[in-house]
Structures are given as C-alpha cells and as structure tokens.
Amino acid sequence: MKPMSEILPQRDLSSAQRVSTRVVTYLRSLIDSGELHPGDQLPPERELARKLNVSRTSLRAGIAFLEMVGILKICHGSGA
C-alpha cells in the first residue's frame, strides 16, 4: 500500500480538507493495523462521525476519497 504522503501530497489544506484528511488517516490506520480486513464493513456512519468528531458530510468525503483511490469499495445499500 502507498504511504499517506504519496496519496495525500503535503500542501496548504482548507479546514474541510483537513477534516477529510483526518478521516482518511483514521480509516487507513484501521486497515494498516489489521483491525479492518478485506470484506469487513465499516462501523456505522453516525458512530464513526461521532468518534472522530466530524460531520457526516466530512466523513463521507473521506470515504469517497478512499473509494476513489481503490482502498474502499462502497456498496450502495450495504455500506462501505
């Protein structure tokens, strides 16, 4: 897997981008640590947003980014 510095280049990020980056970093840490395995479902959106103290919109942006780079797969109606 590519290091986060290659996926998310360092640059001046807006507040919303920093929040989404926090989501991406957290979810990648769950994957890298082995807490999440291929085929596992993410915890509920509401629970993740509360745990990370982010809005559900920011959480969705982070999840969408991970789907875009091929780390997550979103199955509409069944979660990510």
PDB file of N, CA and C in Angstrom:
ATOM      1  N   MET A   1       0.838  -1.175   0.000  1.00  0.00           N
ATOM      2  CA  MET A   1       0.000   0.000   0.000  1.00  0.00           C
ATOM      3  C   MET A   1       0.885   1.242   0.000  1.00  0.00           C
ATOM      4  N   LYS A   2       0.456   2.266  -0.710  1.00  0.00           N
ATOM      5  CA  LYS A   2       1.222   3.503  -0.773  1.00  0.00           C
ATOM      6  C   LYS A   2       1.151   4.231   0.567  1.00  0.00           C
ATOM      7  N   PRO A   3       2.254   4.904   0.963  1.00  0.00           N
ATOM      8  CA  PRO A   3       2.195   5.716   2.174  1.00  0.00           C
ATOM      9  C   PRO A   3       1.267   6.909   1.974  1.00  0.00           C
ATOM     10  N   MET A   4       0.724   7.395   3.072  1.00  0.00           N
ATOM     11  CA  MET A   4      -0.230   8.505   3.008  1.00  0.00           C
ATOM     12  C   MET A   4       0.380   9.728   2.340  1.00  0.00           C
ATOM     13  N   SER A   5       1.695   9.951   2.500  1.00  0.00           N
ATOM     14  CA  SER A   5       2.322  11.130   1.901  1.00  0.00           C
ATOM     15  C   SER A   5       2.260  11.094   0.373  1.00  0.00           C
ATOM     16  N   GLU A   6       2.197   9.892  -0.211  1.00  0.00           N
ATOM     17  CA  GLU A   6       2.065   9.794  -1.663  1.00  0.00           C
ATOM     18  C   GLU A   6       0.621   9.979  -2.106  1.00  0.00           C
ATOM     19  N   ILE A   7      -0.313   9.510  -1.295  1.00  0.00           N
ATOM     20  CA  ILE A   7      -1.724   9.623  -1.649  1.00  0.00           C
ATOM     21  C   ILE A   7      -2.224  11.042  -1.424  1.00  0.00           C
ATOM     22  N   LEU A   8      -1.829  11.631  -0.305  1.00  0.00           N
ATOM     23  CA  LEU A   8      -2.247  12.987   0.035  1.00  0.00           C
ATOM     24  C   LEU A   8      -1.020  13.885   0.085  1.00  0.00           C
ATOM     25  N   PRO A   9      -0.652  14.519  -1.033  1.00  0.00           N
ATOM     26  CA  PRO A   9       0.535  15.365  -1.036  1.00  0.00           C
ATOM     27  C   PRO A   9       0.399  16.513  -0.042  1.00  0.00           C
ATOM     28  N   GLN A  10       1.525  16.898   0.549  1.00  0.00           N
ATOM     29  CA  GLN A  10       1.523  17.993   1.516  1.00  0.00           C
ATOM     30  C   GLN A  10       1.307  19.311   0.780  1.00  0.00           C
ATOM     31  N   ARG A  11       0.355  20.075   1.238  1.00  0.00           N
ATOM     32  CA  ARG A  11       0.089  21.399   0.694  1.00  0.00           C
ATOM     33  C   ARG A  11      -0.815  22.123   1.675  1.00  0.00           C
ATOM     34  N   ASP A  12      -1.078  23.362   1.398  1.00  0.00           N
ATOM     35  CA  ASP A  12      -1.948  24.141   2.271  1.00  0.00           C
ATOM     36  C   ASP A  12      -3.378  23.649   2.093  1.00  0.00           C
ATOM     37  N   LEU A  13      -3.931  23.048   3.133  1.00  0.00           N
ATOM     38  CA  LEU A  13      -5.267  22.473   3.048  1.00  0.00           C
ATOM     39  C   LEU A  13      -6.284  23.379   3.716  1.00  0.00           C
ATOM     40  N   SER A  14      -7.478  23.426   3.145  1.00  0.00           N
ATOM     41  CA  SER A  14      -8.567  24.161   3.777  1.00  0.00           C
ATOM     42  C   SER A  14      -9.033  23.386   5.008  1.00  0.00           C
ATOM     43  N   SER A  15      -9.840  23.996   5.802  1.00  0.00           N
ATOM     44  CA  SER A  15     -10.359  23.352   7.011  1.00  0.00           C
ATOM     45  C   SER A  15     -11.116  22.074   6.678  1.00  0.00           C
ATOM     46  N   ALA A  16     -11.969  22.123   5.662  1.00  0.00           N
ATOM     47  CA  ALA A  16     -12.749  20.942   5.270  1.00  0.00           C
ATOM     48  C   ALA A  16     -11.828  19.830   4.789  1.00  0.00           C
ATOM     49  N   GLN A  17     -10.776  20.189   4.062  1.00  0.00           N
ATOM     50  CA  GLN A  17      -9.835  19.181   3.580  1.00  0.00           C
ATOM     51  C   GLN A  17      -9.076  18.552   4.746  1.00  0.00           C
ATOM     52  N   ARG A  18      -8.727  19.345   5.750  1.00  0.00           N
ATOM     53  CA  ARG A  18      -8.020  18.798   6.917  1.00  0.00           C
ATOM     54  C   ARG A  18      -8.904  17.800   7.652  1.00  0.00           C
ATOM     55  N   VAL A  19     -10.176  18.092   7.763  1.00  0.00           N
ATOM     56  CA  VAL A  19     -11.100  17.180   8.440  1.00  0.00           C
ATOM     57  C   VAL A  19     -11.215  15.884   7.642  1.00  0.00           C
ATOM     58  N   SER A  20     -11.367  15.978   6.339  1.00  0.00           N
ATOM     59  CA  SER A  20     -11.454  14.781   5.499  1.00  0.00           C
ATOM     60  C   SER A  20     -10.155  13.988   5.569  1.00  0.00           C
ATOM     61  N   THR A  21      -9.028  14.682   5.633  1.00  0.00           N
ATOM     62  CA  THR A  21      -7.734  14.011   5.751  1.00  0.00           C
ATOM     63  C   THR A  21      -7.658  13.249   7.061  1.00  0.00           C
ATOM     64  N   ARG A  22      -8.222  13.803   8.120  1.00  0.00           N
ATOM     65  CA  ARG A  22      -8.252  13.111   9.414  1.00  0.00           C
ATOM     66  C   ARG A  22      -9.052  11.816   9.306  1.00  0.00           C
ATOM     67  N   VAL A  23     -10.159  11.865   8.572  1.00  0.00           N
ATOM     68  CA  VAL A  23     -10.980  10.663   8.351  1.00  0.00           C
ATOM     69  C   VAL A  23     -10.173   9.619   7.582  1.00  0.00           C
ATOM     70  N   VAL A  24      -9.521  10.052   6.511  1.00  0.00           N
ATOM     71  CA  VAL A  24      -8.726   9.141   5.687  1.00  0.00           C
ATOM     72  C   VAL A  24      -7.617   8.515   6.527  1.00  0.00           C
ATOM     73  N   THR A  25      -6.922   9.325   7.305  1.00  0.00           N
ATOM     74  CA  THR A  25      -5.826   8.824   8.134  1.00  0.00           C
ATOM     75  C   THR A  25      -6.330   7.806   9.148  1.00  0.00           C
ATOM     76  N   TYR A  26      -7.462   8.077   9.773  1.00  0.00           N
ATOM     77  CA  TYR A  26      -8.017   7.153  10.765  1.00  0.00           C
ATOM     78  C   TYR A  26      -8.402   5.819  10.119  1.00  0.00           C
ATOM     79  N   LEU A  27      -9.113   5.885   9.008  1.00  0.00           N
ATOM     80  CA  LEU A  27      -9.545   4.647   8.362  1.00  0.00           C
ATOM     81  C   LEU A  27      -8.352   3.857   7.842  1.00  0.00           C
ATOM     82  N   ARG A  28      -7.343   4.550   7.302  1.00  0.00           N
ATOM     83  CA  ARG A  28      -6.128   3.852   6.855  1.00  0.00           C
ATOM     84  C   ARG A  28      -5.428   3.193   8.035  1.00  0.00           C
ATOM     85  N   SER A  29      -5.444   3.840   9.205  1.00  0.00           N
ATOM     86  CA  SER A  29      -4.792   3.238  10.378  1.00  0.00           C
ATOM     87  C   SER A  29      -5.522   1.964  10.802  1.00  0.00           C
ATOM     88  N   LEU A  30      -6.854   1.943  10.678  1.00  0.00           N
ATOM     89  CA  LEU A  30      -7.606   0.725  10.990  1.00  0.00           C
ATOM     90  C   LEU A  30      -7.234  -0.407  10.031  1.00  0.00           C
ATOM     91  N   ILE A  31      -7.050  -0.063   8.773  1.00  0.00           N
ATOM     92  CA  ILE A  31      -6.676  -1.064   7.775  1.00  0.00           C
ATOM     93  C   ILE A  31      -5.242  -1.529   8.008  1.00  0.00           C
ATOM     94  N   ASP A  32      -4.330  -0.572   8.174  1.00  0.00           N
ATOM     95  CA  ASP A  32      -2.913  -0.904   8.347  1.00  0.00           C
ATOM     96  C   ASP A  32      -2.651  -1.710   9.611  1.00  0.00           C
ATOM     97  N   SER A  33      -3.430  -1.468  10.668  1.00  0.00           N
ATOM     98  CA  SER A  33      -3.233  -2.182  11.929  1.00  0.00           C
ATOM     99  C   SER A  33      -3.875  -3.570  11.914  1.00  0.00           C
ATOM    100  N   GLY A  34      -4.684  -3.836  10.901  1.00  0.00           N
ATOM    101  CA  GLY A  34      -5.342  -5.135  10.817  1.00  0.00           C
ATOM    102  C   GLY A  34      -6.690  -5.182  11.506  1.00  0.00           C
ATOM    103  N   GLU A  35      -7.152  -4.038  12.024  1.00  0.00           N
ATOM    104  CA  GLU A  35      -8.478  -4.013  12.649  1.00  0.00           C
ATOM    105  C   GLU A  35      -9.582  -4.166  11.605  1.00  0.00           C
ATOM    106  N   LEU A  36      -9.310  -3.709  10.391  1.00  0.00           N
ATOM    107  CA  LEU A  36     -10.231  -3.902   9.269  1.00  0.00           C
ATOM    108  C   LEU A  36      -9.533  -4.756   8.228  1.00  0.00           C
ATOM    109  N   HIS A  37     -10.233  -5.766   7.753  1.00  0.00           N
ATOM    110  CA  HIS A  37      -9.698  -6.687   6.750  1.00  0.00           C
ATOM    111  C   HIS A  37     -10.514  -6.562   5.470  1.00  0.00           C
ATOM    112  N   PRO A  38      -9.961  -7.036   4.346  1.00  0.00           N
ATOM    113  CA  PRO A  38     -10.752  -7.015   3.103  1.00  0.00           C
ATOM    114  C   PRO A  38     -12.099  -7.704   3.315  1.00  0.00           C
ATOM    115  N   GLY A  39     -13.154  -7.025   2.902  1.00  0.00           N
ATOM    116  CA  GLY A  39     -14.505  -7.569   3.042  1.00  0.00           C
ATOM    117  C   GLY A  39     -15.221  -7.126   4.303  1.00  0.00           C
ATOM    118  N   ASP A  40     -14.476  -6.586   5.279  1.00  0.00           N
ATOM    119  CA  ASP A  40     -15.125  -6.081   6.501  1.00  0.00           C
ATOM    120  C   ASP A  40     -15.950  -4.849   6.177  1.00  0.00           C
ATOM    121  N   GLN A  41     -17.009  -4.674   6.925  1.00  0.00           N
ATOM    122  CA  GLN A  41     -17.844  -3.494   6.768  1.00  0.00           C
ATOM    123  C   GLN A  41     -17.393  -2.440   7.768  1.00  0.00           C
ATOM    124  N   LEU A  42     -17.419  -1.176   7.353  1.00  0.00           N
ATOM    125  CA  LEU A  42     -17.074  -0.087   8.264  1.00  0.00           C
ATOM    126  C   LEU A  42     -18.143   0.022   9.347  1.00  0.00           C
ATOM    127  N   PRO A  43     -17.757   0.556  10.505  1.00  0.00           N
ATOM    128  CA  PRO A  43     -18.778   0.844  11.517  1.00  0.00           C
ATOM    129  C   PRO A  43     -19.800   1.824  10.941  1.00  0.00           C
ATOM    130  N   PRO A  44     -20.966   1.926  11.559  1.00  0.00           N
ATOM    131  CA  PRO A  44     -21.994   2.847  11.061  1.00  0.00           C
ATOM    132  C   PRO A  44     -21.464   4.280  10.953  1.00  0.00           C
ATOM    133  N   GLU A  45     -21.933   4.971   9.931  1.00  0.00           N
ATOM    134  CA  GLU A  45     -21.510   6.343   9.650  1.00  0.00           C
ATOM    135  C   GLU A  45     -21.671   7.251  10.870  1.00  0.00           C
ATOM    136  N   ARG A  46     -22.801   7.163  11.517  1.00  0.00           N
ATOM    137  CA  ARG A  46     -23.072   8.013  12.677  1.00  0.00           C
ATOM    138  C   ARG A  46     -22.041   7.765  13.776  1.00  0.00           C
ATOM    139  N   GLU A  47     -21.720   6.497  14.014  1.00  0.00           N
ATOM    140  CA  GLU A  47     -20.749   6.129  15.047  1.00  0.00           C
ATOM    141  C   GLU A  47     -19.343   6.647  14.698  1.00  0.00           C
ATOM    142  N   LEU A  48     -18.945   6.470  13.453  1.00  0.00           N
ATOM    143  CA  LEU A  48     -17.623   6.951  13.025  1.00  0.00           C
ATOM    144  C   LEU A  48     -17.528   8.470  13.129  1.00  0.00           C
ATOM    145  N   ALA A  49     -18.563   9.173  12.689  1.00  0.00           N
ATOM    146  CA  ALA A  49     -18.560  10.631  12.741  1.00  0.00           C
ATOM    147  C   ALA A  49     -18.456  11.114  14.191  1.00  0.00           C
ATOM    148  N   ARG A  50     -19.168  10.471  15.079  1.00  0.00           N
ATOM    149  CA  ARG A  50     -19.116  10.847  16.494  1.00  0.00           C
ATOM    150  C   ARG A  50     -17.727  10.570  17.066  1.00  0.00           C
ATOM    151  N   LYS A  51     -17.179   9.413  16.743  1.00  0.00           N
ATOM    152  CA  LYS A  51     -15.870   9.024  17.265  1.00  0.00           C
ATOM    153  C   LYS A  51     -14.775   9.983  16.808  1.00  0.00           C
ATOM    154  N   LEU A  52     -14.851  10.428  15.558  1.00  0.00           N
ATOM    155  CA  LEU A  52     -13.842  11.324  15.002  1.00  0.00           C
ATOM    156  C   LEU A  52     -14.170  12.801  15.214  1.00  0.00           C
ATOM    157  N   ASN A  53     -15.352  13.063  15.763  1.00  0.00           N
ATOM    158  CA  ASN A  53     -15.815  14.433  15.992  1.00  0.00           C
ATOM    159  C   ASN A  53     -15.813  15.242  14.688  1.00  0.00           C
ATOM    160  N   VAL A  54     -16.406  14.635  13.645  1.00  0.00           N
ATOM    161  CA  VAL A  54     -16.531  15.284  12.340  1.00  0.00           C
ATOM    162  C   VAL A  54     -17.984  15.186  11.894  1.00  0.00           C
ATOM    163  N   SER A  55     -18.333  16.008  10.918  1.00  0.00           N
ATOM    164  CA  SER A  55     -19.686  15.917  10.378  1.00  0.00           C
ATOM    165  C   SER A  55     -19.780  14.678   9.495  1.00  0.00           C
ATOM    166  N   ARG A  56     -20.987  14.229   9.284  1.00  0.00           N
ATOM    167  CA  ARG A  56     -21.184  13.070   8.406  1.00  0.00           C
ATOM    168  C   ARG A  56     -20.798  13.417   6.971  1.00  0.00           C
ATOM    169  N   THR A  57     -20.932  14.683   6.596  1.00  0.00           N
ATOM    170  CA  THR A  57     -20.522  15.124   5.265  1.00  0.00           C
ATOM    171  C   THR A  57     -19.006  14.970   5.102  1.00  0.00           C
ATOM    172  N   SER A  58     -18.251  15.379   6.108  1.00  0.00           N
ATOM    173  CA  SER A  58     -16.790  15.234   6.049  1.00  0.00           C
ATOM    174  C   SER A  58     -16.395  13.763   6.051  1.00  0.00           C
ATOM    175  N   LEU A  59     -17.112  12.974   6.826  1.00  0.00           N
ATOM    176  CA  LEU A  59     -16.844  11.537   6.861  1.00  0.00           C
ATOM    177  C   LEU A  59     -17.072  10.938   5.472  1.00  0.00           C
ATOM    178  N   ARG A  60     -18.175  11.308   4.845  1.00  0.00           N
ATOM    179  CA  ARG A  60     -18.473  10.797   3.504  1.00  0.00           C
ATOM    180  C   ARG A  60     -17.407  11.215   2.504  1.00  0.00           C
ATOM    181  N   ALA A  61     -16.890  12.440   2.640  1.00  0.00           N
ATOM    182  CA  ALA A  61     -15.840  12.915   1.726  1.00  0.00           C
ATOM    183  C   ALA A  61     -14.583  12.064   1.880  1.00  0.00           C
ATOM    184  N   GLY A  62     -14.213  11.750   3.107  1.00  0.00           N
ATOM    185  CA  GLY A  62     -13.043  10.898   3.339  1.00  0.00           C
ATOM    186  C   GLY A  62     -13.247   9.497   2.793  1.00  0.00           C
ATOM    187  N   ILE A  63     -14.421   8.949   2.999  1.00  0.00           N
ATOM    188  CA  ILE A  63     -14.738   7.613   2.495  1.00  0.00           C
ATOM    189  C   ILE A  63     -14.740   7.621   0.964  1.00  0.00           C
ATOM    190  N   ALA A  64     -15.301   8.670   0.365  1.00  0.00           N
ATOM    191  CA  ALA A  64     -15.328   8.772  -1.098  1.00  0.00           C
ATOM    192  C   ALA A  64     -13.910   8.833  -1.659  1.00  0.00           C
ATOM    193  N   PHE A  65     -13.018   9.541  -0.961  1.00  0.00           N
ATOM    194  CA  PHE A  65     -11.633   9.609  -1.409  1.00  0.00           C
ATOM    195  C   PHE A  65     -10.998   8.221  -1.384  1.00  0.00           C
ATOM    196  N   LEU A  66     -11.217   7.487  -0.298  1.00  0.00           N
ATOM    197  CA  LEU A  66     -10.642   6.145  -0.193  1.00  0.00           C
ATOM    198  C   LEU A  66     -11.215   5.208  -1.256  1.00  0.00           C
ATOM    199  N   GLU A  67     -12.465   5.417  -1.631  1.00  0.00           N
ATOM    200  CA  GLU A  67     -13.028   4.615  -2.717  1.00  0.00           C
ATOM    201  C   GLU A  67     -12.374   5.001  -4.037  1.00  0.00           C
ATOM    202  N   MET A  68     -12.162   6.291  -4.240  1.00  0.00           N
ATOM    203  CA  MET A  68     -11.593   6.783  -5.483  1.00  0.00           C
ATOM    204  C   MET A  68     -10.180   6.228  -5.708  1.00  0.00           C
ATOM    205  N   VAL A  69      -9.392   6.087  -4.642  1.00  0.00           N
ATOM    206  CA  VAL A  69      -8.020   5.578  -4.798  1.00  0.00           C
ATOM    207  C   VAL A  69      -7.969   4.059  -4.685  1.00  0.00           C
ATOM    208  N   GLY A  70      -9.142   3.417  -4.530  1.00  0.00           N
ATOM    209  CA  GLY A  70      -9.205   1.962  -4.562  1.00  0.00           C
ATOM    210  C   GLY A  70      -8.965   1.250  -3.244  1.00  0.00           C
ATOM    211  N   ILE A  71      -9.039   1.972  -2.125  1.00  0.00           N
ATOM    212  CA  ILE A  71      -8.813   1.345  -0.818  1.00  0.00           C
ATOM    213  C   ILE A  71     -10.109   0.782  -0.249  1.00  0.00           C
ATOM    214  N   LEU A  72     -11.224   1.469  -0.500  1.00  0.00           N
ATOM    215  CA  LEU A  72     -12.536   1.009  -0.039  1.00  0.00           C
ATOM    216  C   LEU A  72     -13.437   0.770  -1.241  1.00  0.00           C
ATOM    217  N   LYS A  73     -14.430  -0.057  -1.027  1.00  0.00           N
ATOM    218  CA  LYS A  73     -15.478  -0.252  -2.029  1.00  0.00           C
ATOM    219  C   LYS A  73     -16.806   0.040  -1.351  1.00  0.00           C
ATOM    220  N   ILE A  74     -17.563   0.932  -1.951  1.00  0.00           N
ATOM    221  CA  ILE A  74     -18.874   1.278  -1.390  1.00  0.00           C
ATOM    222  C   ILE A  74     -19.933   0.485  -2.130  1.00  0.00           C
ATOM    223  N   CYS A  75     -20.725  -0.240  -1.372  1.00  0.00           N
ATOM    224  CA  CYS A  75     -21.844  -0.994  -1.940  1.00  0.00           C
ATOM    225  C   CYS A  75     -23.119  -0.289  -1.479  1.00  0.00           C
ATOM    226  N   HIS A  76     -23.724   0.464  -2.365  1.00  0.00           N
ATOM    227  CA  HIS A  76     -24.902   1.252  -2.000  1.00  0.00           C
ATOM    228  C   HIS A  76     -25.985   0.345  -1.432  1.00  0.00           C
ATOM    229  N   GLY A  77     -26.465   0.742  -0.275  1.00  0.00           N
ATOM    230  CA  GLY A  77     -27.488  -0.026   0.405  1.00  0.00           C
ATOM    231  C   GLY A  77     -26.920  -0.992   1.429  1.00  0.00           C
ATOM    232  N   SER A  78     -25.615  -1.301   1.326  1.00  0.00           N
ATOM    233  CA  SER A  78     -25.000  -2.212   2.297  1.00  0.00           C
ATOM    234  C   SER A  78     -23.823  -1.615   3.028  1.00  0.00           C
ATOM    235  N   GLY A  79     -23.404  -0.424   2.677  1.00  0.00           N
ATOM    236  CA  GLY A  79     -22.303   0.214   3.400  1.00  0.00           C
ATOM    237  C   GLY A  79     -20.997   0.148   2.641  1.00  0.00           C
ATOM    238  N   ALA A  80     -19.965   0.495   3.372  1.00  0.00           N
ATOM    239  CA  ALA A  80     -18.611   0.540   2.768  1.00  0.00           C
ATOM    240  C   ALA A  80     -17.755  -0.540   3.397  1.00  0.00           C
TER     241      ALA A  80
END
